[in-house]
Amino acid sequence: YAAKVVAGLSAPALLVKQLEQVYGAAEVAMPGGANSKWWWALQHVGSDYFMICPARRSVEWWHAAPGAPPSYLYLFSHAPDGPSGVYPKLAHHASEIPFVFQDKSAIGPSAAKYHISERELPLSNAMVTAWRHFAATGSPSGLGVEEDSAVWPMFADNSSWMVFGGAGGIAAVSARLKQAQCDLWDRVAQAVESGRAPR
């Protein structure tokens, strides 16, 4: 696969220029720690290339299929209060799992595993309600926190995502989330598939 990627990226100078345009200074800001800004930039690029953008691409394909049922996308952007694996104080892959399943043993302090603090319970309750509502009705709308209740729209022409945590509060809808980044990575993916340089 790596050889195919390299073969598909026969215009590296153009790609570097596009990366610089899409991932500006805000994208490489360090949240602290000993790693360089380039390490953090790579984390953003990797997250978009391997997780966020392929999810969007898959749902776009699914949404375009005749008779496809509604699809819903979300981004978990909350940095957990407690220990969260290798990357403390960051939202990373799978850090939402204790919030969705809300195992009672995961609530409260624990140095040995992920946990939910009392302060984080409203976020967890909103997520549990959305997942339960989706399982029962096919739609995750009907979040459990009244004052922060939000309708979770299906992914459609405006590319709506539900964002849990972060600056958006408990739940906020974001249209065209990471549009510039994912448009770039879609072009790269098409180049890799076709063997031609991205445009």
N, C-alpha and C. Protein backbone atom coordinates (compact mmCIF):
# COMPACT_ATOMS: atom_id res chain seq x y z
N TYR A 1 0.83 -1.20 0.00
CA TYR A 1 0.00 0.00 0.00
C TYR A 1 0.87 1.25 0.00
N ALA A 2 1.93 1.26 0.81
CA ALA A 2 2.82 2.43 0.88
C ALA A 2 3.42 2.73 -0.48
N ALA A 3 3.81 1.68 -1.22
CA ALA A 3 4.38 1.89 -2.55
C ALA A 3 3.35 2.50 -3.49
N LYS A 4 2.10 2.08 -3.35
CA LYS A 4 1.03 2.63 -4.18
C LYS A 4 0.79 4.10 -3.85
N VAL A 5 0.86 4.45 -2.57
CA VAL A 5 0.70 5.84 -2.17
C VAL A 5 1.81 6.68 -2.78
N VAL A 6 3.05 6.23 -2.66
CA VAL A 6 4.19 6.99 -3.20
C VAL A 6 4.05 7.13 -4.71
N ALA A 7 3.65 6.04 -5.40
CA ALA A 7 3.48 6.11 -6.85
C ALA A 7 2.38 7.09 -7.24
N GLY A 8 1.34 7.16 -6.43
CA GLY A 8 0.22 8.05 -6.72
C GLY A 8 0.52 9.50 -6.41
N LEU A 9 1.58 9.76 -5.67
CA LEU A 9 1.91 11.13 -5.28
C LEU A 9 3.14 11.60 -6.03
N SER A 10 3.02 11.63 -7.35
CA SER A 10 4.17 11.99 -8.16
C SER A 10 4.39 13.50 -8.24
N ALA A 11 3.59 14.28 -7.54
CA ALA A 11 3.78 15.74 -7.51
C ALA A 11 3.90 16.18 -6.06
N PRO A 12 4.99 15.75 -5.36
CA PRO A 12 5.09 16.03 -3.93
C PRO A 12 5.14 17.52 -3.60
N ALA A 13 5.74 18.34 -4.45
CA ALA A 13 5.82 19.77 -4.16
C ALA A 13 4.43 20.39 -4.11
N LEU A 14 3.57 19.98 -5.04
CA LEU A 14 2.19 20.48 -5.06
C LEU A 14 1.45 20.02 -3.81
N LEU A 15 1.63 18.76 -3.44
CA LEU A 15 0.96 18.24 -2.25
C LEU A 15 1.42 18.98 -1.00
N VAL A 16 2.71 19.24 -0.88
CA VAL A 16 3.23 19.97 0.28
C VAL A 16 2.61 21.36 0.34
N LYS A 17 2.50 22.02 -0.80
CA LYS A 17 1.89 23.35 -0.84
C LYS A 17 0.44 23.28 -0.38
N GLN A 18 -0.29 22.28 -0.86
CA GLN A 18 -1.69 22.12 -0.46
C GLN A 18 -1.81 21.82 1.03
N LEU A 19 -0.91 20.99 1.56
CA LEU A 19 -0.92 20.69 2.99
C LEU A 19 -0.68 21.95 3.81
N GLU A 20 0.25 22.79 3.36
CA GLU A 20 0.53 24.03 4.08
C GLU A 20 -0.69 24.95 4.06
N GLN A 21 -1.43 24.96 2.95
CA GLN A 21 -2.62 25.81 2.86
C GLN A 21 -3.73 25.30 3.78
N VAL A 22 -3.92 23.99 3.81
CA VAL A 22 -5.03 23.41 4.57
C VAL A 22 -4.72 23.33 6.06
N TYR A 23 -3.48 22.98 6.41
CA TYR A 23 -3.09 22.84 7.80
C TYR A 23 -2.23 24.03 8.19
N GLY A 24 -2.88 25.11 8.59
CA GLY A 24 -2.18 26.33 8.97
C GLY A 24 -1.64 26.23 10.39
N ALA A 25 -1.24 27.37 10.94
CA ALA A 25 -0.63 27.43 12.27
C ALA A 25 -1.56 26.88 13.35
N ALA A 26 -2.85 27.13 13.22
CA ALA A 26 -3.80 26.64 14.24
C ALA A 26 -3.82 25.12 14.29
N GLU A 27 -3.60 24.48 13.15
CA GLU A 27 -3.63 23.03 13.10
C GLU A 27 -2.42 22.40 13.77
N VAL A 28 -1.32 23.13 13.90
CA VAL A 28 -0.13 22.53 14.48
C VAL A 28 0.16 23.07 15.87
N ALA A 29 -0.76 23.82 16.45
CA ALA A 29 -0.54 24.36 17.79
C ALA A 29 -0.37 23.21 18.78
N MET A 30 0.64 23.29 19.62
CA MET A 30 0.91 22.23 20.59
C MET A 30 0.04 22.39 21.83
N PRO A 31 -0.66 21.33 22.25
CA PRO A 31 -1.42 21.43 23.49
C PRO A 31 -0.55 21.23 24.72
N GLY A 32 0.74 21.20 24.57
CA GLY A 32 1.64 21.00 25.71
C GLY A 32 2.45 19.73 25.54
N GLY A 33 3.45 19.59 26.34
CA GLY A 33 4.27 18.39 26.26
C GLY A 33 5.56 18.65 25.53
N ALA A 34 6.35 17.60 25.41
CA ALA A 34 7.70 17.73 24.88
C ALA A 34 7.77 17.57 23.37
N ASN A 35 6.68 17.16 22.73
CA ASN A 35 6.73 16.90 21.30
C ASN A 35 6.73 18.20 20.50
N SER A 36 7.35 18.16 19.34
CA SER A 36 7.43 19.36 18.50
C SER A 36 6.10 19.62 17.82
N LYS A 37 5.98 20.83 17.27
CA LYS A 37 4.75 21.17 16.56
C LYS A 37 4.56 20.26 15.35
N TRP A 38 5.63 19.72 14.80
CA TRP A 38 5.51 18.84 13.64
C TRP A 38 4.92 17.49 14.04
N TRP A 39 5.24 17.04 15.26
CA TRP A 39 4.62 15.80 15.75
C TRP A 39 3.12 16.00 15.86
N TRP A 40 2.72 17.15 16.40
CA TRP A 40 1.28 17.41 16.54
C TRP A 40 0.63 17.61 15.18
N ALA A 41 1.33 18.23 14.25
CA ALA A 41 0.79 18.38 12.89
C ALA A 41 0.53 17.01 12.28
N LEU A 42 1.47 16.09 12.49
CA LEU A 42 1.31 14.73 11.97
C LEU A 42 0.10 14.05 12.61
N GLN A 43 -0.16 14.32 13.88
CA GLN A 43 -1.34 13.76 14.54
C GLN A 43 -2.62 14.24 13.86
N HIS A 44 -2.68 15.54 13.54
CA HIS A 44 -3.86 16.08 12.85
C HIS A 44 -4.01 15.46 11.47
N VAL A 45 -2.91 15.40 10.73
CA VAL A 45 -2.94 14.83 9.38
C VAL A 45 -3.36 13.37 9.45
N GLY A 46 -2.76 12.60 10.36
CA GLY A 46 -3.10 11.18 10.48
C GLY A 46 -4.55 10.96 10.86
N SER A 47 -5.05 11.76 11.79
CA SER A 47 -6.45 11.65 12.20
C SER A 47 -7.39 11.91 11.04
N ASP A 48 -7.10 12.96 10.28
CA ASP A 48 -7.95 13.28 9.14
C ASP A 48 -7.83 12.21 8.05
N TYR A 49 -6.60 11.82 7.70
CA TYR A 49 -6.38 10.92 6.58
C TYR A 49 -6.90 9.50 6.86
N PHE A 50 -6.69 9.02 8.09
CA PHE A 50 -7.03 7.63 8.40
C PHE A 50 -8.41 7.44 9.02
N MET A 51 -9.00 8.49 9.62
CA MET A 51 -10.26 8.29 10.34
C MET A 51 -11.39 9.21 9.89
N ILE A 52 -11.20 10.51 10.06
CA ILE A 52 -12.31 11.44 9.83
C ILE A 52 -12.72 11.46 8.36
N CYS A 53 -11.77 11.66 7.47
CA CYS A 53 -12.11 11.80 6.05
C CYS A 53 -12.59 10.49 5.40
N PRO A 54 -12.02 9.33 5.72
CA PRO A 54 -12.60 8.09 5.19
C PRO A 54 -14.02 7.85 5.69
N ALA A 55 -14.31 8.26 6.93
CA ALA A 55 -15.69 8.13 7.44
C ALA A 55 -16.63 8.98 6.60
N ARG A 56 -16.22 10.22 6.33
CA ARG A 56 -17.05 11.10 5.51
C ARG A 56 -17.22 10.52 4.11
N ARG A 57 -16.11 10.05 3.52
CA ARG A 57 -16.16 9.49 2.16
C ARG A 57 -17.10 8.28 2.11
N SER A 58 -17.02 7.41 3.09
CA SER A 58 -17.88 6.22 3.12
C SER A 58 -19.35 6.60 3.22
N VAL A 59 -19.65 7.57 4.08
CA VAL A 59 -21.04 7.98 4.24
C VAL A 59 -21.54 8.70 2.98
N GLU A 60 -20.68 9.45 2.30
CA GLU A 60 -21.10 10.08 1.04
C GLU A 60 -21.46 9.02 0.01
N TRP A 61 -20.65 7.96 -0.08
CA TRP A 61 -20.96 6.87 -1.01
C TRP A 61 -22.28 6.20 -0.62
N TRP A 62 -22.43 5.93 0.65
CA TRP A 62 -23.65 5.29 1.15
C TRP A 62 -24.86 6.16 0.87
N HIS A 63 -24.74 7.46 1.16
CA HIS A 63 -25.85 8.40 0.98
C HIS A 63 -26.26 8.49 -0.49
N ALA A 64 -25.31 8.34 -1.40
CA ALA A 64 -25.60 8.45 -2.83
C ALA A 64 -26.29 7.20 -3.39
N ALA A 65 -26.27 6.10 -2.66
CA ALA A 65 -26.88 4.86 -3.15
C ALA A 65 -28.40 4.98 -3.14
N PRO A 66 -29.06 4.53 -4.20
CA PRO A 66 -30.52 4.60 -4.24
C PRO A 66 -31.14 3.80 -3.09
N GLY A 67 -32.07 4.42 -2.39
CA GLY A 67 -32.79 3.75 -1.31
C GLY A 67 -32.00 3.53 -0.03
N ALA A 68 -30.83 4.15 0.08
CA ALA A 68 -30.02 3.96 1.30
C ALA A 68 -30.71 4.59 2.50
N PRO A 69 -30.72 3.91 3.64
CA PRO A 69 -31.30 4.52 4.84
C PRO A 69 -30.44 5.69 5.32
N PRO A 70 -30.98 6.54 6.18
CA PRO A 70 -30.23 7.71 6.66
C PRO A 70 -28.94 7.30 7.37
N SER A 71 -27.96 8.17 7.27
CA SER A 71 -26.67 7.97 7.93
C SER A 71 -26.40 9.15 8.84
N TYR A 72 -25.65 8.90 9.91
CA TYR A 72 -25.34 9.93 10.90
C TYR A 72 -23.86 9.85 11.24
N LEU A 73 -23.19 10.99 11.27
CA LEU A 73 -21.77 11.04 11.63
C LEU A 73 -21.59 11.86 12.89
N TYR A 74 -20.56 11.51 13.66
CA TYR A 74 -20.23 12.30 14.85
C TYR A 74 -18.73 12.40 15.00
N LEU A 75 -18.33 13.42 15.74
CA LEU A 75 -16.94 13.61 16.14
C LEU A 75 -16.93 13.80 17.64
N PHE A 76 -16.12 13.02 18.33
CA PHE A 76 -15.95 13.17 19.77
C PHE A 76 -14.72 14.03 19.99
N SER A 77 -14.92 15.25 20.48
CA SER A 77 -13.79 16.18 20.62
C SER A 77 -13.48 16.52 22.07
N HIS A 78 -14.10 15.83 23.00
CA HIS A 78 -13.88 16.10 24.43
C HIS A 78 -12.60 15.41 24.90
N ALA A 79 -11.72 16.16 25.52
CA ALA A 79 -10.53 15.57 26.15
C ALA A 79 -10.93 15.07 27.53
N PRO A 80 -10.93 13.77 27.78
CA PRO A 80 -11.39 13.23 29.06
C PRO A 80 -10.64 13.80 30.25
N ASP A 81 -11.35 13.94 31.36
CA ASP A 81 -10.75 14.48 32.59
C ASP A 81 -9.67 13.55 33.15
N GLY A 82 -9.93 12.26 33.09
CA GLY A 82 -9.03 11.31 33.74
C GLY A 82 -7.99 10.75 32.79
N PRO A 83 -7.30 9.70 33.24
CA PRO A 83 -6.30 9.06 32.39
C PRO A 83 -6.96 8.57 31.11
N SER A 84 -6.33 8.82 29.99
CA SER A 84 -6.93 8.39 28.72
C SER A 84 -5.88 7.76 27.82
N GLY A 85 -5.19 6.80 28.36
CA GLY A 85 -4.23 6.08 27.55
C GLY A 85 -2.93 6.84 27.37
N VAL A 86 -2.35 6.70 26.18
CA VAL A 86 -1.03 7.24 25.90
C VAL A 86 -1.05 8.76 25.81
N TYR A 87 -2.15 9.34 25.37
CA TYR A 87 -2.21 10.77 25.12
C TYR A 87 -3.13 11.44 26.13
N PRO A 88 -2.64 11.80 27.30
CA PRO A 88 -3.53 12.42 28.29
C PRO A 88 -4.01 13.78 27.83
N LYS A 89 -5.21 14.11 28.23
CA LYS A 89 -5.83 15.42 27.97
C LYS A 89 -6.05 15.70 26.49
N LEU A 90 -6.27 14.66 25.71
CA LEU A 90 -6.63 14.81 24.30
C LEU A 90 -7.79 13.89 23.99
N ALA A 91 -8.61 14.29 23.03
CA ALA A 91 -9.62 13.38 22.50
C ALA A 91 -8.94 12.57 21.41
N HIS A 92 -8.88 11.28 21.59
CA HIS A 92 -8.23 10.43 20.60
C HIS A 92 -9.10 9.23 20.29
N HIS A 93 -8.65 8.40 19.38
CA HIS A 93 -9.42 7.25 18.92
C HIS A 93 -9.92 6.42 20.10
N ALA A 94 -11.22 6.18 20.13
CA ALA A 94 -11.90 5.32 21.11
C ALA A 94 -12.06 5.95 22.49
N SER A 95 -11.69 7.21 22.68
CA SER A 95 -11.86 7.81 24.01
C SER A 95 -13.32 8.07 24.35
N GLU A 96 -14.23 7.94 23.38
CA GLU A 96 -15.65 8.12 23.66
C GLU A 96 -16.33 6.86 24.20
N ILE A 97 -15.67 5.72 24.13
CA ILE A 97 -16.32 4.45 24.48
C ILE A 97 -16.90 4.45 25.89
N PRO A 98 -16.17 4.88 26.94
CA PRO A 98 -16.79 4.87 28.26
C PRO A 98 -17.98 5.82 28.37
N PHE A 99 -18.00 6.87 27.54
CA PHE A 99 -19.10 7.82 27.57
C PHE A 99 -20.36 7.24 26.95
N VAL A 100 -20.20 6.39 25.94
CA VAL A 100 -21.34 5.78 25.27
C VAL A 100 -21.92 4.64 26.09
N PHE A 101 -21.05 3.79 26.66
CA PHE A 101 -21.54 2.60 27.35
C PHE A 101 -21.74 2.83 28.84
N GLN A 102 -21.15 3.84 29.39
CA GLN A 102 -21.35 4.28 30.77
C GLN A 102 -21.39 3.12 31.77
N ASP A 103 -20.39 2.28 31.71
CA ASP A 103 -20.24 1.22 32.71
C ASP A 103 -20.10 1.88 34.08
N LYS A 104 -20.89 1.46 35.03
CA LYS A 104 -20.87 2.10 36.36
C LYS A 104 -19.48 2.06 36.99
N SER A 105 -18.69 1.04 36.66
CA SER A 105 -17.34 0.98 37.22
C SER A 105 -16.42 2.01 36.57
N ALA A 106 -16.87 2.60 35.45
CA ALA A 106 -16.06 3.61 34.77
C ALA A 106 -16.33 5.02 35.30
N ILE A 107 -17.31 5.16 36.19
CA ILE A 107 -17.64 6.48 36.73
C ILE A 107 -16.86 6.70 38.00
N GLY A 108 -16.15 7.81 38.07
CA GLY A 108 -15.33 8.13 39.23
C GLY A 108 -13.87 7.88 38.96
N PRO A 109 -13.01 8.32 39.87
CA PRO A 109 -11.57 8.24 39.62
C PRO A 109 -11.05 6.80 39.61
N SER A 110 -10.14 6.57 38.70
CA SER A 110 -9.46 5.28 38.61
C SER A 110 -8.18 5.50 37.83
N ALA A 111 -7.07 5.12 38.39
CA ALA A 111 -5.80 5.31 37.69
C ALA A 111 -5.55 4.21 36.67
N ALA A 112 -6.32 3.12 36.74
CA ALA A 112 -6.02 1.95 35.93
C ALA A 112 -6.72 1.93 34.58
N LYS A 113 -7.78 2.74 34.40
CA LYS A 113 -8.51 2.68 33.13
C LYS A 113 -9.23 3.99 32.87
N TYR A 114 -9.82 4.05 31.71
CA TYR A 114 -10.63 5.21 31.36
C TYR A 114 -11.75 5.36 32.39
N HIS A 115 -12.14 6.57 32.66
CA HIS A 115 -13.28 6.76 33.54
C HIS A 115 -13.97 8.08 33.22
N ILE A 116 -15.15 8.24 33.76
CA ILE A 116 -15.96 9.43 33.56
C ILE A 116 -16.04 10.15 34.89
N SER A 117 -15.71 11.43 34.91
CA SER A 117 -15.83 12.21 36.14
C SER A 117 -17.28 12.65 36.31
N GLU A 118 -17.62 13.09 37.51
CA GLU A 118 -18.98 13.59 37.75
C GLU A 118 -19.28 14.76 36.81
N ARG A 119 -18.29 15.59 36.55
CA ARG A 119 -18.47 16.74 35.66
C ARG A 119 -18.82 16.30 34.24
N GLU A 120 -18.37 15.12 33.86
CA GLU A 120 -18.57 14.63 32.49
C GLU A 120 -19.87 13.84 32.31
N LEU A 121 -20.59 13.59 33.39
CA LEU A 121 -21.82 12.80 33.29
C LEU A 121 -22.85 13.39 32.33
N PRO A 122 -23.07 14.72 32.30
CA PRO A 122 -24.05 15.24 31.33
C PRO A 122 -23.69 14.90 29.88
N LEU A 123 -22.41 14.98 29.55
CA LEU A 123 -21.98 14.61 28.20
C LEU A 123 -22.25 13.13 27.96
N SER A 124 -21.88 12.29 28.91
CA SER A 124 -22.11 10.86 28.78
C SER A 124 -23.60 10.55 28.67
N ASN A 125 -24.41 11.19 29.51
CA ASN A 125 -25.86 10.96 29.46
C ASN A 125 -26.44 11.33 28.09
N ALA A 126 -25.96 12.44 27.52
CA ALA A 126 -26.44 12.85 26.20
C ALA A 126 -26.07 11.81 25.15
N MET A 127 -24.87 11.26 25.25
CA MET A 127 -24.43 10.26 24.27
C MET A 127 -25.20 8.95 24.43
N VAL A 128 -25.38 8.52 25.67
CA VAL A 128 -26.14 7.28 25.93
C VAL A 128 -27.55 7.42 25.36
N THR A 129 -28.18 8.57 25.60
CA THR A 129 -29.53 8.80 25.11
C THR A 129 -29.58 8.76 23.59
N ALA A 130 -28.60 9.40 22.94
CA ALA A 130 -28.57 9.41 21.48
C ALA A 130 -28.40 8.00 20.92
N TRP A 131 -27.49 7.22 21.49
CA TRP A 131 -27.26 5.86 20.99
C TRP A 131 -28.49 4.98 21.25
N ARG A 132 -29.10 5.13 22.42
CA ARG A 132 -30.30 4.35 22.74
C ARG A 132 -31.44 4.72 21.79
N HIS A 133 -31.61 6.02 21.55
CA HIS A 133 -32.67 6.48 20.66
C HIS A 133 -32.44 5.95 19.24
N PHE A 134 -31.19 5.94 18.80
CA PHE A 134 -30.87 5.42 17.48
C PHE A 134 -31.21 3.93 17.38
N ALA A 135 -30.86 3.16 18.41
CA ALA A 135 -31.14 1.72 18.41
C ALA A 135 -32.65 1.46 18.37
N ALA A 136 -33.42 2.31 19.04
CA ALA A 136 -34.87 2.09 19.13
C ALA A 136 -35.62 2.61 17.91
N THR A 137 -35.16 3.71 17.32
CA THR A 137 -35.95 4.38 16.28
C THR A 137 -35.26 4.52 14.93
N GLY A 138 -33.94 4.32 14.89
CA GLY A 138 -33.20 4.55 13.66
C GLY A 138 -32.73 5.98 13.50
N SER A 139 -33.04 6.82 14.49
CA SER A 139 -32.57 8.22 14.49
C SER A 139 -32.00 8.54 15.86
N PRO A 140 -30.82 9.14 15.93
CA PRO A 140 -30.23 9.47 17.23
C PRO A 140 -30.76 10.77 17.84
N SER A 141 -31.64 11.49 17.17
CA SER A 141 -32.17 12.73 17.73
C SER A 141 -32.95 12.44 19.00
N GLY A 142 -32.94 13.39 19.91
CA GLY A 142 -33.59 13.21 21.20
C GLY A 142 -32.57 13.11 22.29
N LEU A 143 -31.56 13.97 22.25
CA LEU A 143 -30.50 13.95 23.24
C LEU A 143 -31.06 14.25 24.62
N GLY A 144 -30.42 13.73 25.65
CA GLY A 144 -31.00 13.72 26.98
C GLY A 144 -30.86 14.96 27.81
N VAL A 145 -30.07 15.93 27.42
CA VAL A 145 -29.86 17.10 28.27
C VAL A 145 -30.70 18.23 27.70
N GLU A 146 -31.74 18.62 28.43
CA GLU A 146 -32.74 19.54 27.90
C GLU A 146 -32.15 20.85 27.41
N GLU A 147 -31.35 21.52 28.27
CA GLU A 147 -30.86 22.84 27.89
C GLU A 147 -29.86 22.79 26.74
N ASP A 148 -29.22 21.66 26.54
CA ASP A 148 -28.27 21.53 25.44
C ASP A 148 -28.77 20.56 24.38
N SER A 149 -30.06 20.28 24.42
CA SER A 149 -30.62 19.33 23.47
C SER A 149 -30.44 19.83 22.05
N ALA A 150 -30.07 18.94 21.18
CA ALA A 150 -29.88 19.30 19.78
C ALA A 150 -30.42 18.19 18.90
N VAL A 151 -30.97 18.58 17.78
CA VAL A 151 -31.43 17.59 16.82
C VAL A 151 -30.21 17.15 16.02
N TRP A 152 -30.01 15.86 15.94
CA TRP A 152 -28.88 15.30 15.20
C TRP A 152 -29.35 15.04 13.78
N PRO A 153 -29.03 15.93 12.85
CA PRO A 153 -29.52 15.74 11.48
C PRO A 153 -28.78 14.61 10.78
N MET A 154 -29.47 14.02 9.82
CA MET A 154 -28.78 12.99 9.06
C MET A 154 -27.75 13.65 8.15
N PHE A 155 -26.73 12.87 7.82
CA PHE A 155 -25.70 13.34 6.91
C PHE A 155 -26.34 13.43 5.53
N ALA A 156 -26.35 14.61 4.97
CA ALA A 156 -26.98 14.81 3.66
C ALA A 156 -26.14 15.81 2.88
N ASP A 157 -26.80 16.61 2.07
CA ASP A 157 -26.07 17.53 1.20
C ASP A 157 -25.22 18.54 1.95
N ASN A 158 -25.60 18.91 3.17
CA ASN A 158 -24.78 19.88 3.91
C ASN A 158 -23.75 19.21 4.80
N SER A 159 -23.59 17.91 4.68
CA SER A 159 -22.54 17.16 5.39
C SER A 159 -22.55 17.42 6.89
N SER A 160 -23.69 17.27 7.53
CA SER A 160 -23.81 17.56 8.96
C SER A 160 -23.20 16.47 9.83
N TRP A 161 -22.45 16.89 10.82
CA TRP A 161 -21.87 16.01 11.84
C TRP A 161 -22.36 16.49 13.20
N MET A 162 -22.51 15.58 14.15
CA MET A 162 -22.74 15.96 15.54
C MET A 162 -21.37 15.97 16.21
N VAL A 163 -21.08 17.04 16.92
CA VAL A 163 -19.81 17.16 17.63
C VAL A 163 -20.11 17.07 19.12
N PHE A 164 -19.55 16.07 19.78
CA PHE A 164 -19.72 15.89 21.22
C PHE A 164 -18.50 16.42 21.95
N GLY A 165 -18.72 17.39 22.85
CA GLY A 165 -17.63 17.94 23.65
C GLY A 165 -16.93 19.08 22.97
N GLY A 166 -15.76 19.42 23.52
CA GLY A 166 -14.98 20.51 22.96
C GLY A 166 -15.64 21.86 23.14
N ALA A 167 -15.24 22.81 22.33
CA ALA A 167 -15.74 24.18 22.46
C ALA A 167 -17.22 24.28 22.15
N GLY A 168 -17.76 23.30 21.42
CA GLY A 168 -19.16 23.34 21.04
C GLY A 168 -20.11 22.95 22.15
N GLY A 169 -19.63 22.61 23.33
CA GLY A 169 -20.50 22.20 24.42
C GLY A 169 -20.81 20.72 24.36
N ILE A 170 -21.92 20.34 24.96
CA ILE A 170 -22.27 18.92 25.02
C ILE A 170 -22.55 18.36 23.64
N ALA A 171 -23.32 19.05 22.84
CA ALA A 171 -23.63 18.57 21.51
C ALA A 171 -23.92 19.76 20.61
N ALA A 172 -23.28 19.82 19.49
CA ALA A 172 -23.51 20.89 18.54
C ALA A 172 -23.36 20.34 17.13
N VAL A 173 -24.20 20.81 16.25
CA VAL A 173 -24.14 20.35 14.87
C VAL A 173 -23.13 21.19 14.11
N SER A 174 -22.30 20.53 13.34
CA SER A 174 -21.32 21.22 12.50
C SER A 174 -21.54 20.79 11.06
N ALA A 175 -21.84 21.75 10.20
CA ALA A 175 -21.98 21.45 8.78
C ALA A 175 -20.61 21.56 8.12
N ARG A 176 -20.35 20.64 7.22
CA ARG A 176 -19.11 20.64 6.46
C ARG A 176 -17.87 20.62 7.36
N LEU A 177 -17.90 19.78 8.37
CA LEU A 177 -16.77 19.64 9.28
C LEU A 177 -15.53 19.20 8.52
N LYS A 178 -14.44 19.89 8.74
CA LYS A 178 -13.14 19.58 8.11
C LYS A 178 -13.26 19.47 6.59
N GLN A 179 -14.06 20.35 5.99
CA GLN A 179 -14.31 20.30 4.55
C GLN A 179 -13.02 20.41 3.74
N ALA A 180 -12.20 21.42 4.03
CA ALA A 180 -10.97 21.62 3.24
C ALA A 180 -10.02 20.44 3.39
N GLN A 181 -9.87 19.94 4.63
CA GLN A 181 -8.97 18.82 4.86
C GLN A 181 -9.45 17.57 4.12
N CYS A 182 -10.74 17.27 4.23
CA CYS A 182 -11.24 16.05 3.61
C CYS A 182 -11.30 16.16 2.09
N ASP A 183 -11.55 17.35 1.57
CA ASP A 183 -11.50 17.51 0.12
C ASP A 183 -10.09 17.21 -0.39
N LEU A 184 -9.08 17.68 0.34
CA LEU A 184 -7.69 17.39 -0.04
C LEU A 184 -7.42 15.89 0.01
N TRP A 185 -7.80 15.23 1.11
CA TRP A 185 -7.51 13.80 1.24
C TRP A 185 -8.33 12.96 0.28
N ASP A 186 -9.52 13.44 -0.11
CA ASP A 186 -10.27 12.73 -1.15
C ASP A 186 -9.51 12.76 -2.47
N ARG A 187 -8.90 13.92 -2.79
CA ARG A 187 -8.10 14.00 -4.02
C ARG A 187 -6.90 13.06 -3.94
N VAL A 188 -6.26 12.99 -2.77
CA VAL A 188 -5.12 12.09 -2.61
C VAL A 188 -5.58 10.64 -2.75
N ALA A 189 -6.71 10.28 -2.14
CA ALA A 189 -7.22 8.91 -2.24
C ALA A 189 -7.53 8.56 -3.69
N GLN A 190 -8.13 9.48 -4.43
CA GLN A 190 -8.41 9.23 -5.85
C GLN A 190 -7.12 9.04 -6.63
N ALA A 191 -6.09 9.83 -6.29
CA ALA A 191 -4.80 9.70 -6.97
C ALA A 191 -4.18 8.34 -6.68
N VAL A 192 -4.25 7.90 -5.44
CA VAL A 192 -3.69 6.59 -5.06
C VAL A 192 -4.42 5.48 -5.80
N GLU A 193 -5.75 5.59 -5.87
CA GLU A 193 -6.54 4.57 -6.55
C GLU A 193 -6.21 4.52 -8.04
N SER A 194 -6.02 5.69 -8.64
CA SER A 194 -5.84 5.76 -10.10
C SER A 194 -4.38 5.71 -10.53
N GLY A 195 -3.45 5.98 -9.59
CA GLY A 195 -2.04 6.03 -9.94
C GLY A 195 -1.61 7.36 -10.54
N ARG A 196 -2.52 8.36 -10.51
CA ARG A 196 -2.18 9.69 -11.05
C ARG A 196 -1.91 10.65 -9.90
N ALA A 197 -1.16 11.69 -10.17
CA ALA A 197 -0.84 12.70 -9.15
C ALA A 197 -2.10 13.47 -8.78
N PRO A 198 -2.25 13.84 -7.48
CA PRO A 198 -3.42 14.63 -7.08
C PRO A 198 -3.37 16.01 -7.69
N ARG A 199 -4.57 16.59 -7.93
CA ARG A 199 -4.66 17.94 -8.48
C ARG A 199 -5.03 18.92 -7.40
